[in-house]
Amino acid sequence: MTGLAQSADHAVLHKHGHVVTQPCTIEGFELFRDQGENGILAEYGEPSSKSLREMNERLELVIGMGATHLSILADIEVRGPESSFIVSAAARERRPGDYGGDMKVIAVYSTKGGVGKKTAAVNLAWEAAKEFRVLLWDLDPQGAATFLLQVKPKVKGGVAALVAGDSKVSGAIRSTAYDNLDVLPGNASYRDLDLVLDHAKKSEQRVAKILEQVERDYDVVILDCPPGASLVAENAVFSADAVVVPLVPSPLSMRSLEQVVEFVGASVSKARIVGFLSMVDRRKTLHRTTVEQLPQAQKAVTDVVVPATVHVERMGTERAPIGSYAPGVEAARAYGELWALIRGAVKPKARRKKS
């Protein structure tokens, strides 16, 4: 019997005549990457001494440990003559948006700085936490989102320890004053994150790999990204189900939208881009014109408008989301509307909330 039988998430290696590469023996199983296919194959030498259930549990353990950078375990199947059973580890490489338990990831990102990313990330996280279990990951070395939520910017071993797997992400996460809203703090160690990622295997997938550790603990993850087309941004886009882009009504900001669209389009990500107008001053002709015309001209831009007001500026002194101290103002309502649009796009599922 030769060849490879494969369905969407299931591959079976027949005993003879098929070439496999990159063997890796773990816990008595041999995992292979098939040349030219995404299916991951496992051969077990003496299945008669083990039940299929035990094999399945051990394969789940191996894959769950991340030893092969895999996820999504499907069924176990035995094929071949009695003297030569083949067991397939029905797994595949992680793809963008693949998280157990339906966890959704939203990246707040722009190639341009000073457009209101931190404000958006904090307020969207607060809005989402009304219904879902939320983790806000502050990927910016300035740690502004961490500061605004009154969290100490300390990560034991720095971000390098998280990327290397020397520190568990659960040990770095901090709670906030708000129910169901936690923070993975940003600090000065994130200045070197691009270099750390560059030296890691599958460097564009390391953020996604770290998030695997908490995929059962949260319904929604908000990534507060630093500006620029960096490896950090590439990781965020790879991980995301949606990329939220704040846009200040100016020619440079409009160019940043084009750059984000190009950046996401060049990646393997299928993330939806959700743009909105930020820091809008309707006393300015350019701002009024942009509010009227841009959502019609760009399908990625919503009609949500966050005004430039003192209520937004107060976030720095209040160190709190706008809705917590001024729930009735236009800016607070705008972030509520923005979250409703994002929620409809990514469709997170509320599970049992953390006590």
Protein backbone atom coordinates (compact mmCIF):
# COMPACT_ATOMS: atom_id res chain seq x y z
CA MET A 1 0.00 0.00 0.00
CA THR A 2 1.53 3.30 -1.02
CA GLY A 3 0.67 6.97 -1.20
CA LEU A 4 -0.99 9.47 1.08
CA ALA A 5 -4.68 9.59 1.97
CA GLN A 6 -5.69 13.02 3.21
CA SER A 7 -8.77 15.03 4.09
CA ALA A 8 -9.00 18.62 5.35
CA ASP A 9 -7.44 17.99 8.76
CA HIS A 10 -6.47 14.34 8.53
CA ALA A 11 -3.53 12.64 6.87
CA VAL A 12 -2.57 8.95 6.89
CA LEU A 13 0.90 7.66 5.95
CA HIS A 14 0.85 4.24 4.34
CA LYS A 15 3.66 1.92 5.29
CA HIS A 16 5.66 1.70 2.09
CA GLY A 17 6.76 3.92 -0.76
CA HIS A 18 6.22 7.39 0.73
CA VAL A 19 9.05 9.78 1.55
CA VAL A 20 8.76 11.86 4.71
CA THR A 21 11.12 14.49 6.09
CA GLN A 22 12.05 16.11 9.42
CA PRO A 23 11.38 13.19 11.79
CA CYS A 24 11.00 14.01 15.47
CA THR A 25 10.65 11.21 18.05
CA ILE A 26 8.71 12.19 21.18
CA GLU A 27 7.09 9.94 23.79
CA GLY A 28 7.38 6.86 21.57
CA PHE A 29 5.83 8.51 18.53
CA GLU A 30 7.56 9.66 15.40
CA LEU A 31 6.14 12.87 13.94
CA PHE A 32 6.88 13.71 10.33
CA ARG A 33 6.28 16.66 8.08
CA ASP A 34 5.18 15.34 4.74
CA GLN A 35 7.03 16.87 1.83
CA GLY A 36 4.58 19.09 -0.06
CA GLU A 37 1.68 18.62 2.37
CA ASN A 38 0.58 20.27 5.62
CA GLY A 39 -0.52 16.98 7.19
CA ILE A 40 1.53 15.82 10.16
CA LEU A 41 2.01 12.10 10.36
CA ALA A 42 2.76 9.83 13.29
CA GLU A 43 3.82 6.18 13.18
CA TYR A 44 3.54 3.97 16.25
CA GLY A 45 5.47 0.72 16.22
CA GLU A 46 3.50 -1.55 18.58
CA PRO A 47 -0.14 -0.46 18.78
CA SER A 48 -1.22 -3.79 20.18
CA SER A 49 0.28 -2.87 23.53
CA LYS A 50 -1.55 0.45 23.78
CA SER A 51 -5.17 1.40 23.41
CA LEU A 52 -6.18 3.96 20.82
CA ARG A 53 -7.43 6.17 23.64
CA GLU A 54 -4.02 6.21 25.30
CA MET A 55 -2.36 6.94 21.99
CA ASN A 56 -4.75 9.80 21.43
CA GLU A 57 -4.04 11.25 24.88
CA ARG A 58 -0.28 11.03 24.35
CA LEU A 59 -0.53 12.69 20.95
CA GLU A 60 -2.62 15.46 22.48
CA LEU A 61 0.09 15.92 25.09
CA VAL A 62 2.87 16.07 22.53
CA ILE A 63 1.01 18.53 20.35
CA GLY A 64 -0.24 20.57 23.31
CA MET A 65 3.33 20.94 24.56
CA GLY A 66 4.12 22.73 21.33
CA ALA A 67 7.00 20.38 20.59
CA THR A 68 6.01 20.35 16.93
CA HIS A 69 4.43 23.81 16.78
CA LEU A 70 1.11 22.17 15.98
CA SER A 71 -2.47 22.38 17.10
CA ILE A 72 -5.97 21.14 16.21
CA LEU A 73 -6.01 17.45 17.03
CA ALA A 74 -8.67 15.52 15.16
CA ASP A 75 -9.43 11.77 15.15
CA ILE A 76 -7.00 8.90 15.42
CA GLU A 77 -7.23 6.27 12.71
CA VAL A 78 -5.52 2.89 12.25
CA ARG A 79 -4.76 1.57 8.80
CA GLY A 80 -2.72 -1.25 7.29
CA PRO A 81 -2.33 -4.97 7.91
CA GLU A 82 -2.33 -6.31 11.45
CA SER A 83 1.45 -6.65 11.44
CA SER A 84 2.00 -3.03 10.41
CA PHE A 85 -0.47 -0.57 11.85
CA ILE A 86 -0.16 3.13 11.05
CA VAL A 87 -1.57 5.71 13.44
CA SER A 88 -2.10 9.22 12.12
CA ALA A 89 -1.75 12.22 14.37
CA ALA A 90 -4.48 14.23 12.73
CA ALA A 91 -2.99 17.65 13.21
CA ARG A 92 -1.93 20.57 11.09
CA GLU A 93 0.18 23.64 11.43
CA ARG A 94 -1.41 26.61 13.16
CA ARG A 95 -2.98 29.00 10.72
CA PRO A 96 -4.09 32.58 11.39
CA GLY A 97 -7.19 32.65 13.56
CA ASP A 98 -6.78 29.07 14.85
CA TYR A 99 -7.39 29.16 18.59
CA GLY A 100 -9.04 26.57 20.76
CA GLY A 101 -12.22 27.63 22.49
CA ASP A 102 -13.03 30.28 19.84
CA MET A 103 -10.75 32.96 21.28
CA LYS A 104 -10.68 36.00 18.98
CA VAL A 105 -7.71 38.31 18.54
CA ILE A 106 -8.01 41.97 17.58
CA ALA A 107 -4.91 43.98 16.70
CA VAL A 108 -5.09 47.77 17.08
CA TYR A 109 -2.46 48.92 14.63
CA SER A 110 -1.26 51.71 12.37
CA THR A 111 2.00 52.40 10.62
CA LYS A 112 1.73 55.96 11.94
CA GLY A 113 2.11 57.05 15.56
CA GLY A 114 -0.01 59.57 17.43
CA VAL A 115 -3.36 58.50 15.96
CA GLY A 116 -5.04 57.18 19.11
CA LYS A 117 -4.10 53.49 19.13
CA LYS A 118 -3.63 53.29 22.90
CA THR A 119 -6.90 55.08 23.55
CA ALA A 120 -8.70 52.73 21.18
CA ALA A 121 -7.11 49.58 22.62
CA VAL A 122 -8.01 50.45 26.22
CA ASN A 123 -11.56 51.53 25.46
CA LEU A 124 -12.27 48.57 23.17
CA ALA A 125 -10.95 46.18 25.83
CA TRP A 126 -13.18 47.81 28.44
CA GLU A 127 -16.22 47.61 26.17
CA ALA A 128 -15.54 43.96 25.33
CA ALA A 129 -15.12 43.07 29.01
CA LYS A 130 -18.77 43.91 29.64
CA GLU A 131 -19.62 40.60 28.03
CA PHE A 132 -16.41 38.65 27.45
CA ARG A 133 -13.23 37.62 29.23
CA VAL A 134 -10.61 39.97 27.81
CA LEU A 135 -6.83 40.14 27.76
CA LEU A 136 -5.14 43.35 26.63
CA TRP A 137 -1.55 42.70 25.54
CA ASP A 138 0.49 45.90 25.53
CA LEU A 139 3.17 45.30 22.87
CA ASP A 140 4.49 48.87 23.00
CA PRO A 141 7.69 49.52 24.99
CA GLN A 142 6.20 52.83 26.16
CA GLY A 143 3.57 50.83 28.04
CA ALA A 144 0.91 53.54 27.71
CA ALA A 145 -2.02 51.11 27.80
CA THR A 146 -0.48 49.45 30.85
CA PHE A 147 -0.24 52.86 32.54
CA LEU A 148 -3.79 53.85 31.64
CA LEU A 149 -5.15 50.72 33.32
CA GLN A 150 -3.02 51.28 36.44
CA VAL A 151 -0.99 48.10 36.03
CA LYS A 152 2.66 47.83 37.05
CA PRO A 153 4.83 47.37 33.95
CA LYS A 154 6.81 44.39 35.18
CA VAL A 155 7.40 41.17 33.26
CA LYS A 156 9.76 38.72 34.95
CA GLY A 157 12.65 38.02 32.63
CA GLY A 158 11.31 40.56 30.14
CA VAL A 159 9.53 39.80 26.92
CA ALA A 160 12.47 37.67 25.74
CA ALA A 161 11.62 35.08 28.40
CA LEU A 162 8.04 34.89 27.09
CA VAL A 163 9.16 34.42 23.49
CA ALA A 164 11.74 31.78 24.46
CA GLY A 165 9.24 29.92 26.61
CA ASP A 166 11.31 30.43 29.76
CA SER A 167 8.40 32.21 31.44
CA LYS A 168 4.73 31.25 31.32
CA VAL A 169 2.44 33.99 30.12
CA SER A 170 0.02 33.29 32.98
CA GLY A 171 2.68 34.46 35.42
CA ALA A 172 3.04 37.81 33.66
CA ILE A 173 -0.67 38.64 33.31
CA ARG A 174 -2.08 41.20 35.75
CA SER A 175 -5.68 41.89 36.72
CA THR A 176 -7.23 45.35 36.54
CA ALA A 177 -9.88 47.20 38.50
CA TYR A 178 -12.45 46.02 35.95
CA ASP A 179 -14.18 42.65 35.92
CA ASN A 180 -13.00 40.26 33.19
CA LEU A 181 -10.26 42.60 31.97
CA ASP A 182 -6.63 41.55 32.41
CA VAL A 183 -3.40 43.03 31.06
CA LEU A 184 -0.17 41.55 29.81
CA PRO A 185 2.00 44.59 30.59
CA GLY A 186 4.33 46.37 28.23
CA ASN A 187 7.66 47.70 29.46
CA ALA A 188 11.11 48.79 28.29
CA SER A 189 12.11 45.21 27.42
CA TYR A 190 9.77 45.42 24.42
CA ARG A 191 12.24 47.76 22.74
CA ASP A 192 14.19 44.65 21.78
CA LEU A 193 11.19 42.57 20.78
CA ASP A 194 11.91 42.80 17.06
CA LEU A 195 15.41 41.40 17.61
CA VAL A 196 14.11 38.70 19.94
CA LEU A 197 11.53 37.63 17.39
CA ASP A 198 14.07 37.71 14.57
CA HIS A 199 16.18 35.12 16.38
CA ALA A 200 13.22 32.82 17.09
CA LYS A 201 12.00 29.98 14.90
CA LYS A 202 8.93 30.84 12.86
CA SER A 203 9.48 34.41 13.96
CA GLU A 204 6.21 35.73 12.53
CA GLN A 205 4.20 33.24 14.61
CA ARG A 206 5.68 33.71 18.08
CA VAL A 207 2.93 36.00 19.40
CA ALA A 208 0.35 33.45 18.24
CA LYS A 209 2.37 30.72 19.95
CA ILE A 210 2.38 32.62 23.25
CA LEU A 211 -1.37 33.22 22.98
CA GLU A 212 -1.94 29.47 22.69
CA GLN A 213 -1.16 29.27 26.40
CA VAL A 214 -4.25 31.34 27.29
CA GLU A 215 -6.66 30.36 24.54
CA ARG A 216 -8.94 28.63 27.07
CA ASP A 217 -8.83 31.52 29.54
CA TYR A 218 -10.03 34.41 27.37
CA ASP A 219 -12.71 35.05 24.77
CA VAL A 220 -11.09 38.16 23.31
CA VAL A 221 -7.48 39.37 23.11
CA ILE A 222 -6.69 42.98 22.20
CA LEU A 223 -3.16 43.57 20.88
CA ASP A 224 -1.96 47.14 21.37
CA CYS A 225 0.72 47.39 18.68
CA PRO A 226 3.56 49.88 18.29
CA PRO A 227 3.56 51.85 15.01
CA GLY A 228 5.58 50.86 11.96
CA ALA A 229 5.91 47.87 9.65
CA SER A 230 7.94 45.75 12.06
CA LEU A 231 8.24 42.07 12.89
CA VAL A 232 6.07 42.79 15.93
CA ALA A 233 3.38 44.10 13.58
CA GLU A 234 3.79 41.04 11.36
CA ASN A 235 3.20 38.82 14.40
CA ALA A 236 0.13 40.82 15.41
CA VAL A 237 -1.37 40.64 11.94
CA PHE A 238 -0.67 36.90 11.69
CA SER A 239 -2.45 36.35 15.01
CA ALA A 240 -5.43 38.62 14.38
CA ASP A 241 -9.00 38.01 13.32
CA ALA A 242 -9.40 41.77 12.82
CA VAL A 243 -7.01 44.70 12.48
CA VAL A 244 -8.41 47.96 13.84
CA VAL A 245 -6.89 51.10 12.31
CA PRO A 246 -7.40 54.55 13.89
CA LEU A 247 -7.28 57.33 11.28
CA VAL A 248 -6.73 61.02 11.96
CA PRO A 249 -8.16 63.09 9.07
CA SER A 250 -4.89 64.04 7.37
CA PRO A 251 -3.07 63.03 4.17
CA LEU A 252 -0.37 61.14 6.12
CA SER A 253 -2.95 59.22 8.11
CA MET A 254 -4.80 58.28 4.94
CA ARG A 255 -1.51 56.98 3.56
CA SER A 256 -1.15 54.85 6.67
CA LEU A 257 -4.44 53.11 5.85
CA GLU A 258 -3.08 52.20 2.42
CA GLN A 259 0.08 50.87 4.05
CA VAL A 260 -1.88 48.73 6.51
CA VAL A 261 -4.01 47.32 3.70
CA GLU A 262 -0.84 46.47 1.76
CA PHE A 263 0.84 45.02 4.85
CA VAL A 264 -2.09 42.75 5.70
CA GLY A 265 -2.52 41.79 2.06
CA ALA A 266 1.11 40.70 1.82
CA SER A 267 0.76 38.39 4.83
CA VAL A 268 -1.02 35.05 5.11
CA SER A 269 -3.54 36.66 7.44
CA LYS A 270 -7.22 36.69 6.58
CA ALA A 271 -7.88 39.41 9.15
CA ARG A 272 -10.58 41.93 8.39
CA ILE A 273 -9.45 45.57 8.43
CA VAL A 274 -11.68 47.94 10.41
CA GLY A 275 -10.78 51.60 10.09
CA PHE A 276 -12.36 54.46 12.00
CA LEU A 277 -11.81 58.20 12.27
CA SER A 278 -10.04 59.34 15.42
CA MET A 279 -9.23 62.69 17.00
CA VAL A 280 -11.74 64.47 14.75
CA ASP A 281 -12.19 68.23 15.10
CA ARG A 282 -15.31 69.22 13.17
CA ARG A 283 -14.29 72.88 13.25
CA LYS A 284 -11.72 72.01 10.58
CA THR A 285 -12.87 71.82 6.96
CA LEU A 286 -10.58 68.89 6.14
CA HIS A 287 -11.94 66.89 9.07
CA ARG A 288 -15.57 67.54 8.14
CA THR A 289 -14.93 66.60 4.52
CA THR A 290 -13.11 63.42 5.51
CA VAL A 291 -15.92 62.36 7.84
CA GLU A 292 -18.42 62.76 5.01
CA GLN A 293 -16.42 61.19 2.18
CA LEU A 294 -13.92 58.62 3.46
CA PRO A 295 -16.36 55.90 4.66
CA GLN A 296 -18.00 56.02 1.23
CA ALA A 297 -14.71 55.88 -0.64
CA GLN A 298 -13.03 53.16 1.48
CA LYS A 299 -14.99 50.02 2.34
CA ALA A 300 -12.56 49.25 5.18
CA VAL A 301 -13.49 52.51 6.96
CA THR A 302 -16.56 52.55 9.20
CA ASP A 303 -18.67 55.62 9.94
CA VAL A 304 -17.55 55.63 13.59
CA VAL A 305 -16.09 59.01 14.57
CA VAL A 306 -14.16 59.58 17.81
CA PRO A 307 -13.92 63.33 18.47
CA ALA A 308 -10.92 65.21 19.82
CA THR A 309 -12.32 66.23 23.20
CA VAL A 310 -11.20 66.92 26.73
CA HIS A 311 -12.88 63.68 27.81
CA VAL A 312 -10.34 61.69 25.79
CA GLU A 313 -7.47 63.74 27.17
CA ARG A 314 -8.69 63.02 30.70
CA MET A 315 -7.74 59.37 30.29
CA GLY A 316 -4.18 60.35 31.19
CA THR A 317 -5.19 61.83 34.54
CA GLU A 318 -8.04 59.47 35.35
CA ARG A 319 -6.04 56.43 34.21
CA ALA A 320 -9.26 54.77 33.20
CA PRO A 321 -11.41 54.03 30.12
CA ILE A 322 -13.65 56.92 29.08
CA GLY A 323 -16.84 54.97 29.66
CA SER A 324 -15.95 54.43 33.31
CA TYR A 325 -15.92 58.15 34.19
CA ALA A 326 -17.91 59.81 31.38
CA PRO A 327 -20.24 57.15 29.95
CA GLY A 328 -22.62 59.56 28.24
CA VAL A 329 -20.14 61.58 26.16
CA GLU A 330 -19.74 61.24 22.40
CA ALA A 331 -16.31 59.58 22.58
CA ALA A 332 -17.55 56.87 24.95
CA ARG A 333 -20.54 56.15 22.72
CA ALA A 334 -18.28 56.03 19.66
CA TYR A 335 -16.06 53.34 21.18
CA GLY A 336 -19.19 51.41 22.13
CA GLU A 337 -20.35 51.58 18.51
CA LEU A 338 -16.91 50.56 17.26
CA TRP A 339 -16.82 47.53 19.53
CA ALA A 340 -20.31 46.51 18.34
CA LEU A 341 -19.06 46.55 14.74
CA ILE A 342 -15.93 44.54 15.59
CA ARG A 343 -17.96 42.10 17.64
CA GLY A 344 -20.22 41.51 14.67
CA ALA A 345 -17.21 40.95 12.42
CA VAL A 346 -15.23 38.46 14.53
CA LYS A 347 -18.16 36.88 16.42
CA PRO A 348 -16.57 35.97 19.76
CA LYS A 349 -18.39 33.47 21.97
CA ALA A 350 -18.92 34.18 25.64
CA ARG A 351 -18.01 31.25 27.84
CA ARG A 352 -17.98 30.95 31.61
CA LYS A 353 -16.56 34.18 33.00
CA LYS A 354 -13.63 34.23 35.37
CA SER A 355 -14.72 34.49 39.00
